[in-house]
Amino acid sequence: MLAAVRLGGDPATENAERRATVTVGELIDLFDAQYVGPMLKPGTAVSHRIALDELRRSHGALKAVALTRAHVAALHVRMADRPYAANRAATVWSKAFAWGATRGLITEVHNPDEELAEIS
């Protein structure tokens, strides 16, 4: 921590910013209210919500910036008995994080699903 301060960092501000960020559940709620509901056809919205519910059940309380590719990959593997749903879910999760980045809710660099969605 002292080295970070010497290099011009401000650990107190960084910690405060980290505490102020949205959780995965909050990101999902915002994505659903502002994108899924108003922008998608009803059938598509239902499939998106099913995928988002999987992510919420597993990692909803986690800060969105703390969600890692390992978390997402493990959830994807747990859905292996439903391969189409697992791949579709990974795409929806990636979209939710990309949407959150464009709204400034998370940094653009942090999209744990991006790599997994490209593989699916």
PDB file of N, CA and C in Angstrom:
ATOM      1  N   MET A   1       0.824  -1.178   0.000  1.00  0.00           N
ATOM      2  CA  MET A   1       0.000   0.000   0.000  1.00  0.00           C
ATOM      3  C   MET A   1       0.878   1.255   0.000  1.00  0.00           C
ATOM      4  N   LEU A   2       1.958   1.218   0.768  1.00  0.00           N
ATOM      5  CA  LEU A   2       2.863   2.365   0.784  1.00  0.00           C
ATOM      6  C   LEU A   2       3.485   2.605  -0.588  1.00  0.00           C
ATOM      7  N   ALA A   3       3.805   1.531  -1.281  1.00  0.00           N
ATOM      8  CA  ALA A   3       4.367   1.681  -2.622  1.00  0.00           C
ATOM      9  C   ALA A   3       3.361   2.339  -3.559  1.00  0.00           C
ATOM     10  N   ALA A   4       2.097   1.978  -3.430  1.00  0.00           N
ATOM     11  CA  ALA A   4       1.061   2.586  -4.266  1.00  0.00           C
ATOM     12  C   ALA A   4       0.946   4.077  -3.991  1.00  0.00           C
ATOM     13  N   VAL A   5       1.058   4.454  -2.728  1.00  0.00           N
ATOM     14  CA  VAL A   5       0.991   5.874  -2.360  1.00  0.00           C
ATOM     15  C   VAL A   5       2.191   6.616  -2.928  1.00  0.00           C
ATOM     16  N   ARG A   6       3.365   6.003  -2.824  1.00  0.00           N
ATOM     17  CA  ARG A   6       4.581   6.635  -3.356  1.00  0.00           C
ATOM     18  C   ARG A   6       4.496   6.842  -4.870  1.00  0.00           C
ATOM     19  N   LEU A   7       3.772   5.951  -5.532  1.00  0.00           N
ATOM     20  CA  LEU A   7       3.621   6.056  -6.984  1.00  0.00           C
ATOM     21  C   LEU A   7       2.446   6.946  -7.384  1.00  0.00           C
ATOM     22  N   GLY A   8       1.860   7.626  -6.407  1.00  0.00           N
ATOM     23  CA  GLY A   8       0.795   8.571  -6.709  1.00  0.00           C
ATOM     24  C   GLY A   8      -0.601   8.019  -6.538  1.00  0.00           C
ATOM     25  N   GLY A   9      -0.722   6.793  -6.088  1.00  0.00           N
ATOM     26  CA  GLY A   9      -2.043   6.196  -5.887  1.00  0.00           C
ATOM     27  C   GLY A   9      -2.691   6.699  -4.608  1.00  0.00           C
ATOM     28  N   ASP A  10      -3.981   6.524  -4.531  1.00  0.00           N
ATOM     29  CA  ASP A  10      -4.735   6.912  -3.346  1.00  0.00           C
ATOM     30  C   ASP A  10      -5.585   5.718  -2.927  1.00  0.00           C
ATOM     31  N   PRO A  11      -5.039   4.848  -2.066  1.00  0.00           N
ATOM     32  CA  PRO A  11      -5.767   3.635  -1.670  1.00  0.00           C
ATOM     33  C   PRO A  11      -7.118   3.911  -1.025  1.00  0.00           C
ATOM     34  N   ALA A  12      -7.241   4.979  -0.272  1.00  0.00           N
ATOM     35  CA  ALA A  12      -8.517   5.289   0.377  1.00  0.00           C
ATOM     36  C   ALA A  12      -9.595   5.587  -0.668  1.00  0.00           C
ATOM     37  N   THR A  13      -9.233   6.360  -1.668  1.00  0.00           N
ATOM     38  CA  THR A  13     -10.191   6.678  -2.733  1.00  0.00           C
ATOM     39  C   THR A  13     -10.528   5.430  -3.539  1.00  0.00           C
ATOM     40  N   GLU A  14      -9.528   4.618  -3.820  1.00  0.00           N
ATOM     41  CA  GLU A  14      -9.756   3.382  -4.562  1.00  0.00           C
ATOM     42  C   GLU A  14     -10.691   2.456  -3.790  1.00  0.00           C
ATOM     43  N   ASN A  15     -10.497   2.337  -2.480  1.00  0.00           N
ATOM     44  CA  ASN A  15     -11.367   1.502  -1.660  1.00  0.00           C
ATOM     45  C   ASN A  15     -12.794   2.051  -1.639  1.00  0.00           C
ATOM     46  N   ALA A  16     -12.938   3.357  -1.528  1.00  0.00           N
ATOM     47  CA  ALA A  16     -14.269   3.972  -1.522  1.00  0.00           C
ATOM     48  C   ALA A  16     -14.974   3.745  -2.851  1.00  0.00           C
ATOM     49  N   GLU A  17     -14.238   3.868  -3.957  1.00  0.00           N
ATOM     50  CA  GLU A  17     -14.825   3.631  -5.274  1.00  0.00           C
ATOM     51  C   GLU A  17     -15.254   2.176  -5.429  1.00  0.00           C
ATOM     52  N   ARG A  18     -14.444   1.261  -4.920  1.00  0.00           N
ATOM     53  CA  ARG A  18     -14.754  -0.160  -5.015  1.00  0.00           C
ATOM     54  C   ARG A  18     -16.034  -0.470  -4.210  1.00  0.00           C
ATOM     55  N   ARG A  19     -16.176   0.130  -3.031  1.00  0.00           N
ATOM     56  CA  ARG A  19     -17.375  -0.085  -2.216  1.00  0.00           C
ATOM     57  C   ARG A  19     -18.614   0.509  -2.877  1.00  0.00           C
ATOM     58  N   ALA A  20     -18.448   1.579  -3.645  1.00  0.00           N
ATOM     59  CA  ALA A  20     -19.578   2.274  -4.264  1.00  0.00           C
ATOM     60  C   ALA A  20     -20.052   1.614  -5.555  1.00  0.00           C
ATOM     61  N   THR A  21     -19.322   0.662  -6.075  1.00  0.00           N
ATOM     62  CA  THR A  21     -19.709   0.041  -7.343  1.00  0.00           C
ATOM     63  C   THR A  21     -20.912  -0.871  -7.157  1.00  0.00           C
ATOM     64  N   VAL A  22     -21.584  -1.154  -8.253  1.00  0.00           N
ATOM     65  CA  VAL A  22     -22.791  -1.978  -8.215  1.00  0.00           C
ATOM     66  C   VAL A  22     -22.451  -3.454  -8.050  1.00  0.00           C
ATOM     67  N   THR A  23     -23.398  -4.190  -7.482  1.00  0.00           N
ATOM     68  CA  THR A  23     -23.254  -5.642  -7.407  1.00  0.00           C
ATOM     69  C   THR A  23     -23.736  -6.241  -8.722  1.00  0.00           C
ATOM     70  N   VAL A  24     -23.468  -7.504  -8.891  1.00  0.00           N
ATOM     71  CA  VAL A  24     -23.944  -8.209 -10.087  1.00  0.00           C
ATOM     72  C   VAL A  24     -25.473  -8.143 -10.123  1.00  0.00           C
ATOM     73  N   GLY A  25     -26.112  -8.342  -8.978  1.00  0.00           N
ATOM     74  CA  GLY A  25     -27.575  -8.282  -8.916  1.00  0.00           C
ATOM     75  C   GLY A  25     -28.117  -6.917  -9.295  1.00  0.00           C
ATOM     76  N   GLU A  26     -27.470  -5.855  -8.829  1.00  0.00           N
ATOM     77  CA  GLU A  26     -27.901  -4.498  -9.174  1.00  0.00           C
ATOM     78  C   GLU A  26     -27.714  -4.228 -10.666  1.00  0.00           C
ATOM     79  N   LEU A  27     -26.597  -4.692 -11.213  1.00  0.00           N
ATOM     80  CA  LEU A  27     -26.356  -4.537 -12.647  1.00  0.00           C
ATOM     81  C   LEU A  27     -27.443  -5.249 -13.452  1.00  0.00           C
ATOM     82  N   ILE A  28     -27.803  -6.457 -13.014  1.00  0.00           N
ATOM     83  CA  ILE A  28     -28.851  -7.219 -13.693  1.00  0.00           C
ATOM     84  C   ILE A  28     -30.184  -6.481 -13.614  1.00  0.00           C
ATOM     85  N   ASP A  29     -30.508  -5.937 -12.436  1.00  0.00           N
ATOM     86  CA  ASP A  29     -31.769  -5.198 -12.283  1.00  0.00           C
ATOM     87  C   ASP A  29     -31.830  -4.005 -13.236  1.00  0.00           C
ATOM     88  N   LEU A  30     -30.741  -3.252 -13.295  1.00  0.00           N
ATOM     89  CA  LEU A  30     -30.695  -2.082 -14.185  1.00  0.00           C
ATOM     90  C   LEU A  30     -30.776  -2.490 -15.648  1.00  0.00           C
ATOM     91  N   PHE A  31     -30.042  -3.524 -16.013  1.00  0.00           N
ATOM     92  CA  PHE A  31     -30.055  -4.029 -17.389  1.00  0.00           C
ATOM     93  C   PHE A  31     -31.459  -4.478 -17.780  1.00  0.00           C
ATOM     94  N   ASP A  32     -32.125  -5.172 -16.873  1.00  0.00           N
ATOM     95  CA  ASP A  32     -33.483  -5.645 -17.148  1.00  0.00           C
ATOM     96  C   ASP A  32     -34.449  -4.471 -17.300  1.00  0.00           C
ATOM     97  N   ALA A  33     -34.379  -3.515 -16.385  1.00  0.00           N
ATOM     98  CA  ALA A  33     -35.318  -2.386 -16.411  1.00  0.00           C
ATOM     99  C   ALA A  33     -35.086  -1.440 -17.581  1.00  0.00           C
ATOM    100  N   GLN A  34     -33.824  -1.241 -17.960  1.00  0.00           N
ATOM    101  CA  GLN A  34     -33.525  -0.227 -18.960  1.00  0.00           C
ATOM    102  C   GLN A  34     -33.256  -0.782 -20.357  1.00  0.00           C
ATOM    103  N   TYR A  35     -32.999  -2.080 -20.456  1.00  0.00           N
ATOM    104  CA  TYR A  35     -32.708  -2.644 -21.774  1.00  0.00           C
ATOM    105  C   TYR A  35     -33.633  -3.819 -22.117  1.00  0.00           C
ATOM    106  N   VAL A  36     -33.606  -4.853 -21.293  1.00  0.00           N
ATOM    107  CA  VAL A  36     -34.352  -6.072 -21.622  1.00  0.00           C
ATOM    108  C   VAL A  36     -35.842  -5.778 -21.773  1.00  0.00           C
ATOM    109  N   GLY A  37     -36.443  -5.162 -20.761  1.00  0.00           N
ATOM    110  CA  GLY A  37     -37.878  -4.883 -20.794  1.00  0.00           C
ATOM    111  C   GLY A  37     -38.297  -3.988 -21.944  1.00  0.00           C
ATOM    112  N   PRO A  38     -37.700  -2.803 -22.061  1.00  0.00           N
ATOM    113  CA  PRO A  38     -38.168  -1.881 -23.100  1.00  0.00           C
ATOM    114  C   PRO A  38     -37.686  -2.171 -24.526  1.00  0.00           C
ATOM    115  N   MET A  39     -36.565  -2.853 -24.691  1.00  0.00           N
ATOM    116  CA  MET A  39     -35.965  -2.961 -26.022  1.00  0.00           C
ATOM    117  C   MET A  39     -36.181  -4.304 -26.726  1.00  0.00           C
ATOM    118  N   LEU A  40     -36.503  -5.346 -25.987  1.00  0.00           N
ATOM    119  CA  LEU A  40     -36.572  -6.678 -26.591  1.00  0.00           C
ATOM    120  C   LEU A  40     -38.008  -7.165 -26.748  1.00  0.00           C
ATOM    121  N   LYS A  41     -38.202  -8.043 -27.717  1.00  0.00           N
ATOM    122  CA  LYS A  41     -39.500  -8.682 -27.883  1.00  0.00           C
ATOM    123  C   LYS A  41     -39.779  -9.540 -26.649  1.00  0.00           C
ATOM    124  N   PRO A  42     -41.043  -9.760 -26.323  1.00  0.00           N
ATOM    125  CA  PRO A  42     -41.374 -10.501 -25.103  1.00  0.00           C
ATOM    126  C   PRO A  42     -40.710 -11.871 -24.984  1.00  0.00           C
ATOM    127  N   GLY A  43     -40.680 -12.640 -26.045  1.00  0.00           N
ATOM    128  CA  GLY A  43     -40.052 -13.963 -25.999  1.00  0.00           C
ATOM    129  C   GLY A  43     -38.553 -13.885 -25.758  1.00  0.00           C
ATOM    130  N   THR A  44     -37.914 -12.932 -26.391  1.00  0.00           N
ATOM    131  CA  THR A  44     -36.478 -12.735 -26.210  1.00  0.00           C
ATOM    132  C   THR A  44     -36.198 -12.256 -24.799  1.00  0.00           C
ATOM    133  N   ALA A  45     -37.048 -11.388 -24.277  1.00  0.00           N
ATOM    134  CA  ALA A  45     -36.885 -10.885 -22.915  1.00  0.00           C
ATOM    135  C   ALA A  45     -36.957 -12.030 -21.905  1.00  0.00           C
ATOM    136  N   VAL A  46     -37.871 -12.968 -22.124  1.00  0.00           N
ATOM    137  CA  VAL A  46     -37.996 -14.118 -21.218  1.00  0.00           C
ATOM    138  C   VAL A  46     -36.704 -14.926 -21.213  1.00  0.00           C
ATOM    139  N   SER A  47     -36.149 -15.213 -22.385  1.00  0.00           N
ATOM    140  CA  SER A  47     -34.914 -16.012 -22.435  1.00  0.00           C
ATOM    141  C   SER A  47     -33.741 -15.257 -21.803  1.00  0.00           C
ATOM    142  N   HIS A  48     -33.692 -13.941 -21.985  1.00  0.00           N
ATOM    143  CA  HIS A  48     -32.645 -13.143 -21.352  1.00  0.00           C
ATOM    144  C   HIS A  48     -32.782 -13.207 -19.829  1.00  0.00           C
ATOM    145  N   ARG A  49     -34.010 -13.106 -19.335  1.00  0.00           N
ATOM    146  CA  ARG A  49     -34.227 -13.118 -17.881  1.00  0.00           C
ATOM    147  C   ARG A  49     -33.865 -14.463 -17.273  1.00  0.00           C
ATOM    148  N   ILE A  50     -34.114 -15.542 -17.992  1.00  0.00           N
ATOM    149  CA  ILE A  50     -33.726 -16.869 -17.498  1.00  0.00           C
ATOM    150  C   ILE A  50     -32.208 -16.935 -17.340  1.00  0.00           C
ATOM    151  N   ALA A  51     -31.485 -16.453 -18.353  1.00  0.00           N
ATOM    152  CA  ALA A  51     -30.017 -16.448 -18.289  1.00  0.00           C
ATOM    153  C   ALA A  51     -29.524 -15.546 -17.158  1.00  0.00           C
ATOM    154  N   LEU A  52     -30.134 -14.390 -17.024  1.00  0.00           N
ATOM    155  CA  LEU A  52     -29.721 -13.453 -15.981  1.00  0.00           C
ATOM    156  C   LEU A  52     -30.022 -13.998 -14.589  1.00  0.00           C
ATOM    157  N   ASP A  53     -31.109 -14.750 -14.454  1.00  0.00           N
ATOM    158  CA  ASP A  53     -31.432 -15.360 -13.160  1.00  0.00           C
ATOM    159  C   ASP A  53     -30.376 -16.380 -12.740  1.00  0.00           C
ATOM    160  N   GLU A  54     -29.828 -17.104 -13.712  1.00  0.00           N
ATOM    161  CA  GLU A  54     -28.736 -18.051 -13.405  1.00  0.00           C
ATOM    162  C   GLU A  54     -27.544 -17.310 -12.800  1.00  0.00           C
ATOM    163  N   LEU A  55     -27.185 -16.197 -13.408  1.00  0.00           N
ATOM    164  CA  LEU A  55     -26.051 -15.407 -12.925  1.00  0.00           C
ATOM    165  C   LEU A  55     -26.370 -14.808 -11.561  1.00  0.00           C
ATOM    166  N   ARG A  56     -27.585 -14.313 -11.373  1.00  0.00           N
ATOM    167  CA  ARG A  56     -27.972 -13.707 -10.092  1.00  0.00           C
ATOM    168  C   ARG A  56     -27.930 -14.736  -8.960  1.00  0.00           C
ATOM    169  N   ARG A  57     -28.455 -15.943  -9.211  1.00  0.00           N
ATOM    170  CA  ARG A  57     -28.445 -16.981  -8.177  1.00  0.00           C
ATOM    171  C   ARG A  57     -27.025 -17.316  -7.731  1.00  0.00           C
ATOM    172  N   SER A  58     -26.113 -17.339  -8.665  1.00  0.00           N
ATOM    173  CA  SER A  58     -24.736 -17.728  -8.344  1.00  0.00           C
ATOM    174  C   SER A  58     -23.889 -16.590  -7.791  1.00  0.00           C
ATOM    175  N   HIS A  59     -24.054 -15.378  -8.328  1.00  0.00           N
ATOM    176  CA  HIS A  59     -23.121 -14.301  -8.002  1.00  0.00           C
ATOM    177  C   HIS A  59     -23.785 -12.947  -7.772  1.00  0.00           C
ATOM    178  N   GLY A  60     -25.068 -12.915  -7.495  1.00  0.00           N
ATOM    179  CA  GLY A  60     -25.800 -11.658  -7.367  1.00  0.00           C
ATOM    180  C   GLY A  60     -25.272 -10.700  -6.322  1.00  0.00           C
ATOM    181  N   ALA A  61     -24.755 -11.219  -5.206  1.00  0.00           N
ATOM    182  CA  ALA A  61     -24.280 -10.351  -4.126  1.00  0.00           C
ATOM    183  C   ALA A  61     -22.856  -9.843  -4.351  1.00  0.00           C
ATOM    184  N   LEU A  62     -22.164 -10.435  -5.297  1.00  0.00           N
ATOM    185  CA  LEU A  62     -20.776 -10.069  -5.579  1.00  0.00           C
ATOM    186  C   LEU A  62     -20.718  -8.728  -6.308  1.00  0.00           C
ATOM    187  N   LYS A  63     -19.725  -7.912  -5.987  1.00  0.00           N
ATOM    188  CA  LYS A  63     -19.536  -6.672  -6.727  1.00  0.00           C
ATOM    189  C   LYS A  63     -19.251  -7.027  -8.185  1.00  0.00           C
ATOM    190  N   ALA A  64     -19.839  -6.283  -9.096  1.00  0.00           N
ATOM    191  CA  ALA A  64     -19.680  -6.588 -10.522  1.00  0.00           C
ATOM    192  C   ALA A  64     -18.213  -6.570 -10.932  1.00  0.00           C
ATOM    193  N   VAL A  65     -17.433  -5.655 -10.364  1.00  0.00           N
ATOM    194  CA  VAL A  65     -16.017  -5.581 -10.733  1.00  0.00           C
ATOM    195  C   VAL A  65     -15.212  -6.737 -10.151  1.00  0.00           C
ATOM    196  N   ALA A  66     -15.789  -7.473  -9.192  1.00  0.00           N
ATOM    197  CA  ALA A  66     -15.080  -8.602  -8.595  1.00  0.00           C
ATOM    198  C   ALA A  66     -15.382  -9.917  -9.305  1.00  0.00           C
ATOM    199  N   LEU A  67     -16.378  -9.912 -10.183  1.00  0.00           N
ATOM    200  CA  LEU A  67     -16.704 -11.119 -10.932  1.00  0.00           C
ATOM    201  C   LEU A  67     -15.585 -11.409 -11.931  1.00  0.00           C
ATOM    202  N   THR A  68     -15.086 -12.625 -11.904  1.00  0.00           N
ATOM    203  CA  THR A  68     -13.959 -12.984 -12.770  1.00  0.00           C
ATOM    204  C   THR A  68     -14.394 -13.947 -13.864  1.00  0.00           C
ATOM    205  N   ARG A  69     -13.524 -14.132 -14.826  1.00  0.00           N
ATOM    206  CA  ARG A  69     -13.784 -15.114 -15.871  1.00  0.00           C
ATOM    207  C   ARG A  69     -13.899 -16.513 -15.277  1.00  0.00           C
ATOM    208  N   ALA A  70     -13.159 -16.770 -14.213  1.00  0.00           N
ATOM    209  CA  ALA A  70     -13.235 -18.080 -13.550  1.00  0.00           C
ATOM    210  C   ALA A  70     -14.628 -18.309 -12.970  1.00  0.00           C
ATOM    211  N   HIS A  71     -15.225 -17.277 -12.367  1.00  0.00           N
ATOM    212  CA  HIS A  71     -16.595 -17.394 -11.852  1.00  0.00           C
ATOM    213  C   HIS A  71     -17.558 -17.760 -12.988  1.00  0.00           C
ATOM    214  N   VAL A  72     -17.439 -17.034 -14.079  1.00  0.00           N
ATOM    215  CA  VAL A  72     -18.343 -17.217 -15.215  1.00  0.00           C
ATOM    216  C   VAL A  72     -18.115 -18.585 -15.856  1.00  0.00           C
ATOM    217  N   ALA A  73     -16.867 -18.974 -16.006  1.00  0.00           N
ATOM    218  CA  ALA A  73     -16.566 -20.272 -16.606  1.00  0.00           C
ATOM    219  C   ALA A  73     -17.113 -21.413 -15.745  1.00  0.00           C
ATOM    220  N   ALA A  74     -16.992 -21.283 -14.426  1.00  0.00           N
ATOM    221  CA  ALA A  74     -17.518 -22.324 -13.534  1.00  0.00           C
ATOM    222  C   ALA A  74     -19.039 -22.422 -13.649  1.00  0.00           C
ATOM    223  N   LEU A  75     -19.704 -21.287 -13.736  1.00  0.00           N
ATOM    224  CA  LEU A  75     -21.156 -21.290 -13.905  1.00  0.00           C
ATOM    225  C   LEU A  75     -21.536 -21.899 -15.257  1.00  0.00           C
ATOM    226  N   HIS A  76     -20.785 -21.571 -16.280  1.00  0.00           N
ATOM    227  CA  HIS A  76     -21.020 -22.121 -17.614  1.00  0.00           C
ATOM    228  C   HIS A  76     -20.874 -23.642 -17.593  1.00  0.00           C
ATOM    229  N   VAL A  77     -19.873 -24.139 -16.896  1.00  0.00           N
ATOM    230  CA  VAL A  77     -19.642 -25.591 -16.796  1.00  0.00           C
ATOM    231  C   VAL A  77     -20.786 -26.255 -16.029  1.00  0.00           C
ATOM    232  N   ARG A  78     -21.283 -25.587 -14.968  1.00  0.00           N
ATOM    233  CA  ARG A  78     -22.405 -26.150 -14.203  1.00  0.00           C
ATOM    234  C   ARG A  78     -23.659 -26.292 -15.058  1.00  0.00           C
ATOM    235  N   MET A  79     -23.735 -25.546 -16.131  1.00  0.00           N
ATOM    236  CA  MET A  79     -24.883 -25.615 -17.031  1.00  0.00           C
ATOM    237  C   MET A  79     -24.611 -26.559 -18.206  1.00  0.00           C
ATOM    238  N   ALA A  80     -23.582 -27.375 -18.119  1.00  0.00           N
ATOM    239  CA  ALA A  80     -23.159 -28.233 -19.236  1.00  0.00           C
ATOM    240  C   ALA A  80     -24.234 -29.222 -19.670  1.00  0.00           C
ATOM    241  N   ASP A  81     -25.151 -29.561 -18.788  1.00  0.00           N
ATOM    242  CA  ASP A  81     -26.216 -30.476 -19.172  1.00  0.00           C
ATOM    243  C   ASP A  81     -27.223 -29.811 -20.118  1.00  0.00           C
ATOM    244  N   ARG A  82     -27.110 -28.484 -20.250  1.00  0.00           N
ATOM    245  CA  ARG A  82     -27.952 -27.711 -21.175  1.00  0.00           C
ATOM    246  C   ARG A  82     -27.037 -26.840 -22.029  1.00  0.00           C
ATOM    247  N   PRO A  83     -26.322 -27.423 -22.992  1.00  0.00           N
ATOM    248  CA  PRO A  83     -25.298 -26.678 -23.723  1.00  0.00           C
ATOM    249  C   PRO A  83     -25.813 -25.453 -24.474  1.00  0.00           C
ATOM    250  N   TYR A  84     -26.976 -25.556 -25.108  1.00  0.00           N
ATOM    251  CA  TYR A  84     -27.497 -24.391 -25.827  1.00  0.00           C
ATOM    252  C   TYR A  84     -27.792 -23.266 -24.842  1.00  0.00           C
ATOM    253  N   ALA A  85     -28.443 -23.593 -23.742  1.00  0.00           N
ATOM    254  CA  ALA A  85     -28.783 -22.586 -22.732  1.00  0.00           C
ATOM    255  C   ALA A  85     -27.515 -21.987 -22.120  1.00  0.00           C
ATOM    256  N   ALA A  86     -26.500 -22.815 -21.904  1.00  0.00           N
ATOM    257  CA  ALA A  86     -25.245 -22.323 -21.322  1.00  0.00           C
ATOM    258  C   ALA A  86     -24.566 -21.330 -22.255  1.00  0.00           C
ATOM    259  N   ASN A  87     -24.502 -21.647 -23.526  1.00  0.00           N
ATOM    260  CA  ASN A  87     -23.864 -20.745 -24.487  1.00  0.00           C
ATOM    261  C   ASN A  87     -24.679 -19.471 -24.676  1.00  0.00           C
ATOM    262  N   ARG A  88     -25.985 -19.605 -24.721  1.00  0.00           N
ATOM    263  CA  ARG A  88     -26.856 -18.435 -24.852  1.00  0.00           C
ATOM    264  C   ARG A  88     -26.721 -17.543 -23.613  1.00  0.00           C
ATOM    265  N   ALA A  89     -26.667 -18.160 -22.435  1.00  0.00           N
ATOM    266  CA  ALA A  89     -26.527 -17.409 -21.185  1.00  0.00           C
ATOM    267  C   ALA A  89     -25.222 -16.617 -21.184  1.00  0.00           C
ATOM    268  N   ALA A  90     -24.142 -17.237 -21.622  1.00  0.00           N
ATOM    269  CA  ALA A  90     -22.851 -16.548 -21.655  1.00  0.00           C
ATOM    270  C   ALA A  90     -22.923 -15.308 -22.546  1.00  0.00           C
ATOM    271  N   THR A  91     -23.649 -15.406 -23.643  1.00  0.00           N
ATOM    272  CA  THR A  91     -23.814 -14.263 -24.537  1.00  0.00           C
ATOM    273  C   THR A  91     -24.615 -13.154 -23.859  1.00  0.00           C
ATOM    274  N   VAL A  92     -25.670 -13.532 -23.148  1.00  0.00           N
ATOM    275  CA  VAL A  92     -26.498 -12.542 -22.444  1.00  0.00           C
ATOM    276  C   VAL A  92     -25.699 -11.877 -21.333  1.00  0.00           C
ATOM    277  N   TRP A  93     -24.930 -12.656 -20.580  1.00  0.00           N
ATOM    278  CA  TRP A  93     -24.115 -12.088 -19.501  1.00  0.00           C
ATOM    279  C   TRP A  93     -23.121 -11.087 -20.065  1.00  0.00           C
ATOM    280  N   SER A  94     -22.510 -11.437 -21.195  1.00  0.00           N
ATOM    281  CA  SER A  94     -21.560 -10.530 -21.829  1.00  0.00           C
ATOM    282  C   SER A  94     -22.243  -9.237 -22.247  1.00  0.00           C
ATOM    283  N   LYS A  95     -23.426  -9.358 -22.800  1.00  0.00           N
ATOM    284  CA  LYS A  95     -24.189  -8.176 -23.211  1.00  0.00           C
ATOM    285  C   LYS A  95     -24.507  -7.290 -22.007  1.00  0.00           C
ATOM    286  N   ALA A  96     -24.889  -7.900 -20.892  1.00  0.00           N
ATOM    287  CA  ALA A  96     -25.212  -7.133 -19.685  1.00  0.00           C
ATOM    288  C   ALA A  96     -23.999  -6.344 -19.199  1.00  0.00           C
ATOM    289  N   PHE A  97     -22.828  -6.969 -19.210  1.00  0.00           N
ATOM    290  CA  PHE A  97     -21.627  -6.274 -18.747  1.00  0.00           C
ATOM    291  C   PHE A  97     -21.186  -5.208 -19.744  1.00  0.00           C
ATOM    292  N   ALA A  98     -21.329  -5.475 -21.032  1.00  0.00           N
ATOM    293  CA  ALA A  98     -20.999  -4.453 -22.038  1.00  0.00           C
ATOM    294  C   ALA A  98     -21.947  -3.267 -21.894  1.00  0.00           C
ATOM    295  N   TRP A  99     -23.221  -3.530 -21.654  1.00  0.00           N
ATOM    296  CA  TRP A  99     -24.207  -2.480 -21.448  1.00  0.00           C
ATOM    297  C   TRP A  99     -23.835  -1.669 -20.207  1.00  0.00           C
ATOM    298  N   GLY A 100     -23.457  -2.355 -19.130  1.00  0.00           N
ATOM    299  CA  GLY A 100     -23.051  -1.670 -17.902  1.00  0.00           C
ATOM    300  C   GLY A 100     -21.827  -0.794 -18.107  1.00  0.00           C
ATOM    301  N   ALA A 101     -20.918  -1.242 -18.945  1.00  0.00           N
ATOM    302  CA  ALA A 101     -19.716  -0.446 -19.232  1.00  0.00           C
ATOM    303  C   ALA A 101     -20.067   0.820 -19.993  1.00  0.00           C
ATOM    304  N   THR A 102     -20.999   0.727 -20.939  1.00  0.00           N
ATOM    305  CA  THR A 102     -21.382   1.932 -21.695  1.00  0.00           C
ATOM    306  C   THR A 102     -22.126   2.926 -20.829  1.00  0.00           C
ATOM    307  N   ARG A 103     -22.715   2.466 -19.728  1.00  0.00           N
ATOM    308  CA  ARG A 103     -23.421   3.347 -18.797  1.00  0.00           C
ATOM    309  C   ARG A 103     -22.531   3.832 -17.660  1.00  0.00           C
ATOM    310  N   GLY A 104     -21.265   3.417 -17.660  1.00  0.00           N
ATOM    311  CA  GLY A 104     -20.336   3.844 -16.619  1.00  0.00           C
ATOM    312  C   GLY A 104     -20.513   3.122 -15.297  1.00  0.00           C
ATOM    313  N   LEU A 105     -21.243   2.023 -15.288  1.00  0.00           N
ATOM    314  CA  LEU A 105     -21.467   1.273 -14.053  1.00  0.00           C
ATOM    315  C   LEU A 105     -20.265   0.416 -13.695  1.00  0.00           C
ATOM    316  N   ILE A 106     -19.541  -0.017 -14.708  1.00  0.00           N
ATOM    317  CA  ILE A 106     -18.298  -0.772 -14.535  1.00  0.00           C
ATOM    318  C   ILE A 106     -17.316  -0.267 -15.580  1.00  0.00           C
ATOM    319  N   THR A 107     -16.058  -0.605 -15.422  1.00  0.00           N
ATOM    320  CA  THR A 107     -15.080  -0.169 -16.412  1.00  0.00           C
ATOM    321  C   THR A 107     -15.193  -1.046 -17.654  1.00  0.00           C
ATOM    322  N   GLU A 108     -14.881  -0.477 -18.790  1.00  0.00           N
ATOM    323  CA  GLU A 108     -14.969  -1.233 -20.044  1.00  0.00           C
ATOM    324  C   GLU A 108     -14.008  -2.401 -20.066  1.00  0.00           C
ATOM    325  N   VAL A 109     -12.939  -2.296 -19.312  1.00  0.00           N
ATOM    326  CA  VAL A 109     -11.952  -3.359 -19.289  1.00  0.00           C
ATOM    327  C   VAL A 109     -12.520  -4.589 -18.594  1.00  0.00           C
ATOM    328  N   HIS A 110     -13.507  -4.382 -17.719  1.00  0.00           N
ATOM    329  CA  HIS A 110     -14.022  -5.485 -16.916  1.00  0.00           C
ATOM    330  C   HIS A 110     -15.294  -6.067 -17.518  1.00  0.00           C
ATOM    331  N   ASN A 111     -15.128  -7.051 -18.371  1.00  0.00           N
ATOM    332  CA  ASN A 111     -16.255  -7.823 -18.861  1.00  0.00           C
ATOM    333  C   ASN A 111     -15.845  -9.287 -18.760  1.00  0.00           C
ATOM    334  N   PRO A 112     -16.167  -9.924 -17.639  1.00  0.00           N
ATOM    335  CA  PRO A 112     -15.700 -11.302 -17.420  1.00  0.00           C
ATOM    336  C   PRO A 112     -16.278 -12.298 -18.398  1.00  0.00           C
ATOM    337  N   ASP A 113     -17.366 -11.937 -19.059  1.00  0.00           N
ATOM    338  CA  ASP A 113     -18.026 -12.881 -19.952  1.00  0.00           C
ATOM    339  C   ASP A 113     -17.544 -12.775 -21.384  1.00  0.00           C
ATOM    340  N   GLU A 114     -16.848 -11.716 -21.724  1.00  0.00           N
ATOM    341  CA  GLU A 114     -16.476 -11.448 -23.111  1.00  0.00           C
ATOM    342  C   GLU A 114     -15.740 -12.611 -23.750  1.00  0.00           C
ATOM    343  N   GLU A 115     -14.728 -13.105 -23.098  1.00  0.00           N
ATOM    344  CA  GLU A 115     -13.922 -14.181 -23.662  1.00  0.00           C
ATOM    345  C   GLU A 115     -14.743 -15.455 -23.797  1.00  0.00           C
ATOM    346  N   LEU A 116     -15.563 -15.744 -22.786  1.00  0.00           N
ATOM    347  CA  LEU A 116     -16.382 -16.954 -22.811  1.00  0.00           C
ATOM    348  C   LEU A 116     -17.425 -16.863 -23.926  1.00  0.00           C
ATOM    349  N   ALA A 117     -18.020 -15.709 -24.122  1.00  0.00           N
ATOM    350  CA  ALA A 117     -19.034 -15.545 -25.162  1.00  0.00           C
ATOM    351  C   ALA A 117     -18.430 -15.733 -26.554  1.00  0.00           C
ATOM    352  N   GLU A 118     -17.170 -15.345 -26.722  1.00  0.00           N
ATOM    353  CA  GLU A 118     -16.521 -15.521 -28.019  1.00  0.00           C
ATOM    354  C   GLU A 118     -16.278 -16.990 -28.320  1.00  0.00           C
ATOM    355  N   ILE A 119     -16.089 -17.793 -27.282  1.00  0.00           N
ATOM    356  CA  ILE A 119     -15.833 -19.216 -27.454  1.00  0.00           C
ATOM    357  C   ILE A 119     -17.125 -19.956 -27.790  1.00  0.00           C
ATOM    358  N   SER A 120     -18.235 -19.504 -27.189  1.00  0.00           N
ATOM    359  CA  SER A 120     -19.519 -20.204 -27.302  1.00  0.00           C
ATOM    360  C   SER A 120     -20.047 -20.244 -28.707  1.00  0.00           C
TER     361      SER A 120
END
